[in-house]
């Protein structure tokens, strides 16, 4: 009787711990993957003058910039983070890609060595 009660209590504690540390975003992750290009990415691409060249039911979209460069909208990211961001799509710190949009952001007070802080929106070429 003591062993079964111990096992029951242990099982319940494990379940409670799993509930406490579970990421609630995991339950909606499959919904996000089913969506087309996220709104922020689409808005940045449109503001850069890009147009959709191809699209399919699996939400694979190839966009073309006015310069003629084709990009895959699923491979976009924002470069530059932290209190003193220096986003650069073309540097060797992280992935390299095509610059879509640059955004000036405020620097923290201790970023005196940096003239300006910026984040860049980048995408991989298709």
C-alpha atoms as a PDB file:
ATOM      1  CA  UNK A   1       0.000   0.000   0.000  1.00  0.00           C
ATOM      2  CA  UNK A   2       2.824   2.403   0.875  1.00  0.00           C
ATOM      3  CA  UNK A   3       4.607   1.787  -2.436  1.00  0.00           C
ATOM      4  CA  UNK A   4       1.495   2.400  -4.547  1.00  0.00           C
ATOM      5  CA  UNK A   5       0.718   5.601  -2.611  1.00  0.00           C
ATOM      6  CA  UNK A   6       4.330   6.722  -3.081  1.00  0.00           C
ATOM      7  CA  UNK A   7       4.152   6.013  -6.831  1.00  0.00           C
ATOM      8  CA  UNK A   8       0.849   7.876  -7.122  1.00  0.00           C
ATOM      9  CA  UNK A   9       2.233  10.926  -5.297  1.00  0.00           C
ATOM     10  CA  UNK A  10       5.407  10.853  -7.405  1.00  0.00           C
ATOM     11  CA  UNK A  11       3.406  10.620 -10.625  1.00  0.00           C
ATOM     12  CA  UNK A  12       1.191  13.533  -9.581  1.00  0.00           C
ATOM     13  CA  UNK A  13       4.208  15.679  -8.685  1.00  0.00           C
ATOM     14  CA  UNK A  14       5.823  15.003 -12.052  1.00  0.00           C
ATOM     15  CA  UNK A  15       2.605  15.995 -13.827  1.00  0.00           C
ATOM     16  CA  UNK A  16       2.333  19.211 -11.811  1.00  0.00           C
ATOM     17  CA  UNK A  17       5.957  20.100 -12.534  1.00  0.00           C
ATOM     18  CA  UNK A  18       5.420  19.460 -16.245  1.00  0.00           C
ATOM     19  CA  UNK A  19       2.399  21.758 -16.220  1.00  0.00           C
ATOM     20  CA  UNK A  20       4.360  24.472 -14.446  1.00  0.00           C
ATOM     21  CA  UNK A  21       7.323  24.418 -16.806  1.00  0.00           C
ATOM     22  CA  UNK A  22       5.462  23.674 -20.040  1.00  0.00           C
ATOM     23  CA  UNK A  23       5.646  26.434 -22.624  1.00  0.00           C
ATOM     24  CA  UNK A  24       2.098  27.519 -23.500  1.00  0.00           C
ATOM     25  CA  UNK A  25       3.331  28.572 -26.952  1.00  0.00           C
ATOM     26  CA  UNK A  26       4.005  24.927 -27.859  1.00  0.00           C
ATOM     27  CA  UNK A  27       0.275  24.276 -28.094  1.00  0.00           C
ATOM     28  CA  UNK A  28      -0.190  27.015 -30.706  1.00  0.00           C
ATOM     29  CA  UNK A  29       3.039  26.423 -32.638  1.00  0.00           C
ATOM     30  CA  UNK A  30       1.334  24.236 -35.217  1.00  0.00           C
ATOM     31  CA  UNK A  31      -1.202  27.011 -35.839  1.00  0.00           C
ATOM     32  CA  UNK A  32       1.603  29.501 -36.531  1.00  0.00           C
ATOM     33  CA  UNK A  33       3.250  27.161 -38.996  1.00  0.00           C
ATOM     34  CA  UNK A  34       0.014  26.786 -40.919  1.00  0.00           C
ATOM     35  CA  UNK A  35      -0.241  30.541 -41.520  1.00  0.00           C
ATOM     36  CA  UNK A  36       1.187  32.248 -44.544  1.00  0.00           C
ATOM     37  CA  UNK A  37       3.917  34.848 -44.199  1.00  0.00           C
ATOM     38  CA  UNK A  38       3.560  36.638 -40.832  1.00  0.00           C
ATOM     39  CA  UNK A  39       2.071  40.115 -41.049  1.00  0.00           C
ATOM     40  CA  UNK A  40       5.278  41.916 -39.983  1.00  0.00           C
ATOM     41  CA  UNK A  41       7.288  40.189 -42.703  1.00  0.00           C
ATOM     42  CA  UNK A  42       4.670  40.876 -45.358  1.00  0.00           C
ATOM     43  CA  UNK A  43       4.414  44.530 -44.312  1.00  0.00           C
ATOM     44  CA  UNK A  44       8.196  44.994 -44.445  1.00  0.00           C
ATOM     45  CA  UNK A  45       8.396  43.365 -47.863  1.00  0.00           C
ATOM     46  CA  UNK A  46       5.544  45.475 -49.238  1.00  0.00           C
ATOM     47  CA  UNK A  47       7.062  48.667 -47.822  1.00  0.00           C
ATOM     48  CA  UNK A  48      10.323  47.742 -49.594  1.00  0.00           C
ATOM     49  CA  UNK A  49       8.396  47.520 -52.875  1.00  0.00           C
ATOM     50  CA  UNK A  50       8.533  43.720 -53.134  1.00  0.00           C
ATOM     51  CA  UNK A  51       5.874  41.759 -54.987  1.00  0.00           C
ATOM     52  CA  UNK A  52       4.818  38.121 -54.670  1.00  0.00           C
ATOM     53  CA  UNK A  53       6.147  36.138 -57.616  1.00  0.00           C
ATOM     54  CA  UNK A  54       5.012  32.647 -56.648  1.00  0.00           C
ATOM     55  CA  UNK A  55       2.805  31.250 -53.910  1.00  0.00           C
ATOM     56  CA  UNK A  56       1.444  27.781 -53.270  1.00  0.00           C
ATOM     57  CA  UNK A  57      -1.042  26.141 -50.872  1.00  0.00           C
ATOM     58  CA  UNK A  58       1.816  25.193 -48.516  1.00  0.00           C
ATOM     59  CA  UNK A  59       2.478  28.916 -47.910  1.00  0.00           C
ATOM     60  CA  UNK A  60       5.765  28.943 -49.785  1.00  0.00           C
ATOM     61  CA  UNK A  61       6.106  32.466 -51.117  1.00  0.00           C
ATOM     62  CA  UNK A  62       8.844  33.885 -53.297  1.00  0.00           C
ATOM     63  CA  UNK A  63       8.963  37.682 -53.410  1.00  0.00           C
ATOM     64  CA  UNK A  64      10.863  39.878 -55.850  1.00  0.00           C
ATOM     65  CA  UNK A  65      12.393  43.195 -54.827  1.00  0.00           C
ATOM     66  CA  UNK A  66      12.491  46.163 -57.223  1.00  0.00           C
ATOM     67  CA  UNK A  67      16.200  45.403 -57.729  1.00  0.00           C
ATOM     68  CA  UNK A  68      15.241  42.003 -59.199  1.00  0.00           C
ATOM     69  CA  UNK A  69      16.498  39.956 -56.225  1.00  0.00           C
ATOM     70  CA  UNK A  70      14.151  37.100 -55.319  1.00  0.00           C
ATOM     71  CA  UNK A  71      13.756  36.121 -51.670  1.00  0.00           C
ATOM     72  CA  UNK A  72      11.994  33.378 -49.743  1.00  0.00           C
ATOM     73  CA  UNK A  73       9.686  35.020 -47.203  1.00  0.00           C
ATOM     74  CA  UNK A  74       9.995  32.055 -44.813  1.00  0.00           C
ATOM     75  CA  UNK A  75      13.689  32.767 -44.289  1.00  0.00           C
ATOM     76  CA  UNK A  76      13.486  36.331 -42.945  1.00  0.00           C
ATOM     77  CA  UNK A  77      14.770  37.574 -39.583  1.00  0.00           C
ATOM     78  CA  UNK A  78      15.542  40.733 -37.650  1.00  0.00           C
ATOM     79  CA  UNK A  79      19.243  41.391 -37.141  1.00  0.00           C
ATOM     80  CA  UNK A  80      20.499  43.424 -34.182  1.00  0.00           C
ATOM     81  CA  UNK A  81      19.629  42.862 -30.548  1.00  0.00           C
ATOM     82  CA  UNK A  82      20.597  43.813 -27.039  1.00  0.00           C
ATOM     83  CA  UNK A  83      20.930  47.244 -25.453  1.00  0.00           C
ATOM     84  CA  UNK A  84      23.265  48.541 -28.216  1.00  0.00           C
ATOM     85  CA  UNK A  85      22.026  46.811 -31.402  1.00  0.00           C
ATOM     86  CA  UNK A  86      24.060  47.106 -34.576  1.00  0.00           C
ATOM     87  CA  UNK A  87      22.056  45.144 -37.118  1.00  0.00           C
ATOM     88  CA  UNK A  88      23.929  44.270 -40.286  1.00  0.00           C
ATOM     89  CA  UNK A  89      22.597  41.726 -42.774  1.00  0.00           C
ATOM     90  CA  UNK A  90      25.969  41.483 -44.495  1.00  0.00           C
ATOM     91  CA  UNK A  91      28.374  40.974 -41.577  1.00  0.00           C
ATOM     92  CA  UNK A  92      29.786  37.634 -40.511  1.00  0.00           C
ATOM     93  CA  UNK A  93      28.067  37.701 -37.122  1.00  0.00           C
ATOM     94  CA  UNK A  94      25.104  35.419 -37.714  1.00  0.00           C
ATOM     95  CA  UNK A  95      23.371  34.640 -40.986  1.00  0.00           C
ATOM     96  CA  UNK A  96      23.928  36.801 -44.057  1.00  0.00           C
ATOM     97  CA  UNK A  97      21.116  37.968 -46.275  1.00  0.00           C
ATOM     98  CA  UNK A  98      19.479  40.702 -48.302  1.00  0.00           C
ATOM     99  CA  UNK A  99      18.605  43.950 -46.511  1.00  0.00           C
ATOM    100  CA  UNK A 100      14.864  44.617 -46.664  1.00  0.00           C
ATOM    101  CA  UNK A 101      14.395  47.388 -44.113  1.00  0.00           C
ATOM    102  CA  UNK A 102      16.500  49.273 -41.562  1.00  0.00           C
ATOM    103  CA  UNK A 103      15.060  50.719 -38.361  1.00  0.00           C
ATOM    104  CA  UNK A 104      16.859  53.201 -36.102  1.00  0.00           C
ATOM    105  CA  UNK A 105      16.293  52.375 -32.422  1.00  0.00           C
ATOM    106  CA  UNK A 106      17.287  54.135 -29.246  1.00  0.00           C
ATOM    107  CA  UNK A 107      20.548  53.170 -27.584  1.00  0.00           C
ATOM    108  CA  UNK A 108      20.929  52.720 -23.844  1.00  0.00           C
ATOM    109  CA  UNK A 109      22.851  55.406 -21.991  1.00  0.00           C
ATOM    110  CA  UNK A 110      26.020  53.296 -21.796  1.00  0.00           C
ATOM    111  CA  UNK A 111      26.338  52.795 -25.592  1.00  0.00           C
ATOM    112  CA  UNK A 112      28.585  55.815 -26.019  1.00  0.00           C
ATOM    113  CA  UNK A 113      30.932  54.055 -28.440  1.00  0.00           C
ATOM    114  CA  UNK A 114      28.134  53.559 -30.970  1.00  0.00           C
ATOM    115  CA  UNK A 115      27.033  56.527 -33.093  1.00  0.00           C
ATOM    116  CA  UNK A 116      23.614  55.001 -33.748  1.00  0.00           C
ATOM    117  CA  UNK A 117      21.756  51.834 -32.881  1.00  0.00           C
ATOM    118  CA  UNK A 118      19.841  50.013 -35.541  1.00  0.00           C
ATOM    119  CA  UNK A 119      18.004  46.830 -36.378  1.00  0.00           C
ATOM    120  CA  UNK A 120      17.792  45.434 -39.881  1.00  0.00           C
ATOM    121  CA  UNK A 121      15.179  43.191 -41.416  1.00  0.00           C
ATOM    122  CA  UNK A 122      16.920  40.588 -43.587  1.00  0.00           C
ATOM    123  CA  UNK A 123      15.906  37.690 -45.840  1.00  0.00           C
ATOM    124  CA  UNK A 124      17.801  34.921 -47.631  1.00  0.00           C
ATOM    125  CA  UNK A 125      17.930  34.985 -51.429  1.00  0.00           C
ATOM    126  CA  UNK A 126      15.755  32.403 -53.132  1.00  0.00           C
END
